[in-house]
Protein backbone atom coordinates (compact mmCIF):
# COMPACT_ATOMS: atom_id res chain seq x y z
CA MET A 1 -4.84 -8.27 7.90
CA THR A 2 -1.64 -8.00 9.84
CA ALA A 3 1.03 -5.38 9.17
CA GLY A 4 3.29 -7.96 7.52
CA THR A 5 0.61 -8.94 5.04
CA HIS A 6 -0.05 -5.30 4.20
CA ILE A 7 3.69 -4.62 3.71
CA LEU A 8 4.04 -7.68 1.45
CA GLY A 9 1.06 -6.53 -0.62
CA GLY A 10 2.44 -3.00 -0.94
CA ILE A 11 5.89 -4.24 -1.93
CA LEU A 12 4.43 -6.61 -4.53
CA LEU A 13 2.27 -3.92 -6.11
CA ALA A 14 5.10 -1.36 -6.15
CA ALA A 15 7.55 -3.90 -7.64
CA PHE A 16 4.97 -4.82 -10.28
CA PHE A 17 4.76 -1.17 -11.37
CA GLN A 18 8.55 -0.85 -10.98
CA LEU A 19 8.24 1.81 -8.30
CA PRO A 20 10.44 2.20 -5.24
CA ILE A 21 9.34 -0.21 -2.52
CA ILE A 22 10.14 1.76 0.64
CA PRO A 23 7.45 4.43 0.14
CA ALA A 24 5.01 1.67 -0.77
CA ALA A 25 5.83 -0.18 2.43
CA PHE A 26 5.10 2.98 4.45
CA GLY A 27 1.89 3.59 2.51
CA SER A 28 0.78 0.02 3.04
CA VAL A 29 0.66 0.39 6.82
CA LEU A 30 -0.37 4.05 7.19
CA PRO A 31 -4.15 3.41 7.06
CA ASP A 32 -3.82 1.54 10.38
CA ILE A 33 -2.70 4.75 12.11
CA ASP A 34 -6.27 4.86 13.42
CA LEU A 35 -5.88 1.64 15.45
CA LYS A 36 -5.74 3.49 18.79
CA LYS A 37 -9.04 5.25 18.08
CA GLY A 38 -10.91 2.05 17.35
CA LEU A 39 -12.71 0.91 20.44
CA PRO A 40 -14.48 -2.46 20.45
CA PHE A 41 -18.25 -2.43 20.78
CA ARG A 42 -18.56 1.31 20.24
CA GLN A 43 -22.22 2.13 19.69
CA ASN A 44 -22.18 5.02 17.22
CA ARG A 45 -19.23 4.37 14.99
CA THR A 46 -18.40 7.14 12.55
CA LEU A 47 -15.67 7.62 10.00
CA PHE A 48 -13.78 9.68 12.54
CA ASN A 49 -13.92 7.68 15.79
CA SER A 50 -13.14 4.10 14.88
CA HIS A 51 -10.64 1.78 13.26
CA ARG A 52 -11.20 1.31 9.54
CA GLY A 53 -12.86 4.68 9.38
CA ILE A 54 -11.69 7.65 7.37
CA THR A 55 -8.15 6.30 6.89
CA HIS A 56 -9.65 3.22 5.21
CA HIS A 57 -12.09 5.09 2.97
CA ILE A 58 -11.93 3.82 -0.59
CA ALA A 59 -11.65 7.38 -1.99
CA ILE A 60 -8.36 8.14 -0.17
CA PRO A 61 -6.01 6.08 -2.42
CA ILE A 62 -7.78 7.35 -5.52
CA VAL A 63 -7.17 10.96 -4.47
CA LEU A 64 -3.56 10.11 -3.56
CA VAL A 65 -2.87 8.55 -6.98
CA PHE A 66 -4.23 11.59 -8.82
CA LEU A 67 -2.24 13.90 -6.57
CA SER A 68 0.93 11.93 -7.18
CA LEU A 69 0.38 12.04 -10.97
CA TYR A 70 -0.14 15.80 -10.74
CA LEU A 71 3.07 16.18 -8.72
CA ARG A 72 4.94 13.98 -11.19
CA ASP A 73 3.79 15.89 -14.25
CA HIS A 74 3.72 19.48 -12.92
CA TYR A 75 6.20 19.72 -10.06
CA SER A 76 8.89 17.05 -9.83
CA TYR A 77 9.07 13.68 -11.51
CA GLU A 78 11.02 12.15 -8.63
CA ILE A 79 8.71 13.41 -5.90
CA GLY A 80 5.68 12.35 -7.90
CA ARG A 81 7.19 8.88 -8.41
CA TYR A 82 7.84 8.43 -4.68
CA PHE A 83 4.40 9.70 -3.83
CA LEU A 84 2.89 7.37 -6.43
CA SER A 85 4.70 4.46 -4.79
CA PHE A 86 3.33 5.56 -1.39
CA SER A 87 -0.16 5.83 -2.94
CA ILE A 88 0.09 2.35 -4.47
CA GLY A 89 1.08 0.94 -1.06
CA TYR A 90 -1.90 2.73 0.52
CA ALA A 91 -4.22 1.35 -2.18
CA SER A 92 -2.89 -2.19 -1.61
CA HIS A 93 -3.87 -1.87 2.09
CA ILE A 94 -7.42 -0.88 1.18
CA LEU A 95 -7.70 -3.67 -1.42
CA LEU A 96 -6.54 -6.28 1.09
CA ASP A 97 -8.95 -4.98 3.72
CA ILE A 98 -11.84 -5.37 1.27
CA LEU A 99 -11.25 -9.12 1.64
CA ASN A 100 -12.01 -8.84 5.38
CA PRO A 101 -15.57 -9.12 6.76
CA LEU A 102 -15.45 -5.57 8.15
CA GLY A 103 -14.35 -4.20 4.76
CA VAL A 104 -13.87 -0.50 4.06
CA PRO A 105 -16.27 2.46 3.98
CA PHE A 106 -17.33 3.87 0.64
CA SER A 107 -19.90 6.49 1.65
CA PHE A 108 -19.95 9.46 4.02
CA LYS A 109 -20.82 7.23 6.97
CA TYR A 110 -19.17 4.28 8.69
CA TYR A 111 -21.76 1.97 7.11
CA PRO A 112 -22.37 0.72 4.39
CA ARG A 113 -19.02 -0.90 3.70
CA LEU A 114 -17.43 -2.70 0.78
CA SER A 115 -16.44 -6.23 1.79
CA LEU A 116 -15.93 -9.57 0.06
CA LYS A 117 -15.98 -11.31 3.48
CA LEU A 118 -13.31 -13.82 2.46
CA VAL A 119 -10.46 -13.48 4.97
CA ARG A 120 -10.30 -12.86 8.72
CA SER A 121 -7.14 -11.25 10.12
CA GLY A 122 -4.68 -13.73 11.57
CA LYS A 123 -6.62 -16.80 10.46
CA PHE A 124 -5.97 -19.45 7.80
CA GLY A 125 -7.36 -17.23 5.08
CA GLU A 126 -4.69 -14.66 5.73
CA ILE A 127 -1.99 -17.33 5.52
CA PHE A 128 -3.43 -18.26 2.13
CA VAL A 129 -3.27 -14.59 1.05
CA ILE A 130 0.37 -14.38 2.18
CA LEU A 131 1.30 -17.55 0.31
CA THR A 132 -0.48 -16.27 -2.78
CA LEU A 133 1.41 -12.96 -2.63
CA VAL A 134 4.75 -14.75 -2.20
CA VAL A 135 4.03 -17.12 -5.09
CA MET A 136 3.05 -14.15 -7.32
CA LEU A 137 6.26 -12.34 -6.37
CA ILE A 138 8.38 -15.42 -7.17
CA TYR A 139 6.49 -15.93 -10.45
CA PHE A 140 6.99 -12.34 -11.58
CA VAL A 141 10.70 -12.42 -10.79
CA ASP A 142 11.27 -15.92 -12.27
CA SER A 143 9.38 -15.22 -15.49
CA GLY A 144 11.30 -12.01 -16.10
CA LYS A 145 8.17 -9.88 -15.88
CA LEU A 146 9.71 -8.32 -12.82
CA SER A 147 13.41 -7.73 -12.43
CA TYR A 148 15.26 -7.44 -9.19
CA ALA A 149 15.83 -3.82 -10.21
CA GLY A 150 12.17 -3.23 -9.41
CA PHE A 151 13.11 -3.72 -5.77
CA ILE A 152 15.75 -1.00 -5.84
CA ASP A 153 15.05 2.61 -6.65
CA LYS A 154 16.98 3.37 -9.84
CA ASP A 155 17.12 7.10 -9.00
CA ILE A 156 18.88 6.33 -5.71
CA LEU A 157 21.34 4.08 -7.56
CA GLU A 158 22.20 6.92 -9.97
CA VAL A 159 22.75 9.34 -7.11
CA LEU A 160 25.01 6.80 -5.37
CA LYS A 161 26.99 6.24 -8.61
CA LYS A 162 27.55 10.01 -8.96
CA LEU A 163 28.67 10.28 -5.34
CA ILE A 164 31.12 7.42 -5.76
CA GLU A 165 32.52 9.00 -8.93
CA GLU A 166 32.95 12.36 -7.13
CA VAL A 167 34.75 10.69 -4.19
CA ARG A 168 37.08 8.82 -6.56
CA GLY A 169 37.68 11.61 -8.87
């Protein structure tokens, strides 16, 4: 998948859970930080020397979600919420890459991989995924299941309101 598709997926998932979208957008592209390491036709691919290696492991978003819930409940609600949004974006990246023929690793080695083999990056299948995500986003907003407020972090709005009141007052 392309970066734009991953960002759209992260934003949709964060908005669905009414989480801030900016951390989700960052989380949705972070797994591809390993792109420079991935060399085509590398013989002995491992989780640590190739694209869609350790940063795409299916366990990473699970650990991130649990860590964010711990932070939210035991440290700071706001930090946990932002980290949860980031984790949801990261998870959306992994879920979208499962659709790709290369898939994502789920063991301690590069292979075997979890893949539905449905969509190749940059091909018609990805356009279909993008259109599906856009239609879902429009449906959620139009049906009232998702408000526009889901796109804006309510905590930031409260902080801005307090700042405006202090400046006025």
